[in-house]
Every structure is written in structure tokens, then in C-alpha cells.
Amino acid sequence: MGWIILYAPLIGLLFFVAFFAVMTVWLYRPKSKQQFDAFANIPFEDDLKEARDE
């Protein structure tokens, strides 16, 4: 059980490096571009609605 305390920093570092790598691959996959483009346009939706209503 003492080895967990001894290697805790290394285990934590490996966990967060693996998490960062998985998140980076997941975020930059080609399929997600459309979703992020839609998220990027959210602030402008109110302006588009107001322009249509006028």
C-alpha cells in the first residue's frame, strides 16, 4: 500500500497526460467541427432574430 503514496505524483501525471491527449483527439476530430461552428454562432442568434423580425 505504501507504493501508492510513493508513486502518487507519477500516477497523477500519467492520468492527466492521458486525459489531455484523449480530450485533444476528441475535440479536434473532423465530426465535431459543425458542432463547434454552431456554438460559435450562438452570440449572433439574437441579432439574426431581431433582423428577421424587422
C-alpha atoms as a PDB file:
ATOM      1  CA  MET A   1       0.000   0.000   0.000  1.00  0.00           C
ATOM      2  CA  GLY A   2       2.963   2.293   0.571  1.00  0.00           C
ATOM      3  CA  TRP A   3       3.839   2.174  -3.123  1.00  0.00           C
ATOM      4  CA  ILE A   4       0.654   4.128  -3.936  1.00  0.00           C
ATOM      5  CA  ILE A   5       1.817   7.017  -1.787  1.00  0.00           C
ATOM      6  CA  LEU A   6       5.309   6.759  -3.251  1.00  0.00           C
ATOM      7  CA  TYR A   7       4.136   6.800  -6.878  1.00  0.00           C
ATOM      8  CA  ALA A   8       1.072   9.047  -6.490  1.00  0.00           C
ATOM      9  CA  PRO A   9       2.663  12.030  -8.297  1.00  0.00           C
ATOM     10  CA  LEU A  10       3.681   9.842 -11.234  1.00  0.00           C
ATOM     11  CA  ILE A  11       0.275   8.161 -11.400  1.00  0.00           C
ATOM     12  CA  GLY A  12      -1.447  11.551 -11.314  1.00  0.00           C
ATOM     13  CA  LEU A  13       0.828  12.929 -14.019  1.00  0.00           C
ATOM     14  CA  LEU A  14       0.200   9.941 -16.286  1.00  0.00           C
ATOM     15  CA  PHE A  15      -3.537  10.180 -15.697  1.00  0.00           C
ATOM     16  CA  PHE A  16      -3.715  13.857 -16.622  1.00  0.00           C
ATOM     17  CA  VAL A  17      -1.438  13.466 -19.655  1.00  0.00           C
ATOM     18  CA  ALA A  18      -3.634  10.640 -20.908  1.00  0.00           C
ATOM     19  CA  PHE A  19      -6.781  12.688 -20.181  1.00  0.00           C
ATOM     20  CA  PHE A  20      -5.351  15.689 -22.055  1.00  0.00           C
ATOM     21  CA  ALA A  21      -4.400  13.526 -25.044  1.00  0.00           C
ATOM     22  CA  VAL A  22      -7.840  11.899 -25.226  1.00  0.00           C
ATOM     23  CA  MET A  23      -9.635  15.250 -24.918  1.00  0.00           C
ATOM     24  CA  THR A  24      -7.428  16.803 -27.605  1.00  0.00           C
ATOM     25  CA  VAL A  25      -8.136  13.985 -30.048  1.00  0.00           C
ATOM     26  CA  TRP A  26     -11.845  14.090 -29.221  1.00  0.00           C
ATOM     27  CA  LEU A  27     -12.105  17.865 -29.667  1.00  0.00           C
ATOM     28  CA  TYR A  28     -10.204  18.018 -32.942  1.00  0.00           C
ATOM     29  CA  ARG A  29     -11.948  15.148 -34.693  1.00  0.00           C
ATOM     30  CA  PRO A  30     -13.472  16.232 -38.014  1.00  0.00           C
ATOM     31  CA  LYS A  31     -17.018  15.357 -36.987  1.00  0.00           C
ATOM     32  CA  SER A  32     -17.061  17.968 -34.200  1.00  0.00           C
ATOM     33  CA  LYS A  33     -16.364  20.964 -36.491  1.00  0.00           C
ATOM     34  CA  GLN A  34     -20.044  21.502 -37.305  1.00  0.00           C
ATOM     35  CA  GLN A  35     -20.990  21.442 -33.640  1.00  0.00           C
ATOM     36  CA  PHE A  36     -18.296  23.960 -32.704  1.00  0.00           C
ATOM     37  CA  ASP A  37     -19.304  26.225 -35.583  1.00  0.00           C
ATOM     38  CA  ALA A  38     -22.860  26.174 -34.246  1.00  0.00           C
ATOM     39  CA  PHE A  39     -21.582  27.003 -30.746  1.00  0.00           C
ATOM     40  CA  ALA A  40     -19.506  29.874 -32.166  1.00  0.00           C
ATOM     41  CA  ASN A  41     -22.611  31.449 -33.713  1.00  0.00           C
ATOM     42  CA  ILE A  42     -24.749  31.373 -30.552  1.00  0.00           C
ATOM     43  CA  PRO A  43     -23.991  35.023 -29.609  1.00  0.00           C
ATOM     44  CA  PHE A  44     -25.199  36.181 -33.017  1.00  0.00           C
ATOM     45  CA  GLU A  45     -28.531  34.322 -32.993  1.00  0.00           C
ATOM     46  CA  ASP A  46     -30.348  37.138 -31.176  1.00  0.00           C
ATOM     47  CA  ASP A  47     -29.127  39.631 -33.769  1.00  0.00           C
ATOM     48  CA  LEU A  48     -30.337  37.399 -36.576  1.00  0.00           C
ATOM     49  CA  LYS A  49     -33.752  37.007 -34.944  1.00  0.00           C
ATOM     50  CA  GLU A  50     -34.080  40.776 -34.489  1.00  0.00           C
ATOM     51  CA  ALA A  51     -33.061  41.378 -38.103  1.00  0.00           C
ATOM     52  CA  ARG A  52     -35.685  38.907 -39.331  1.00  0.00           C
ATOM     53  CA  ASP A  53     -38.414  40.443 -37.199  1.00  0.00           C
ATOM     54  CA  GLU A  54     -37.831  43.965 -38.513  1.00  0.00           C
END
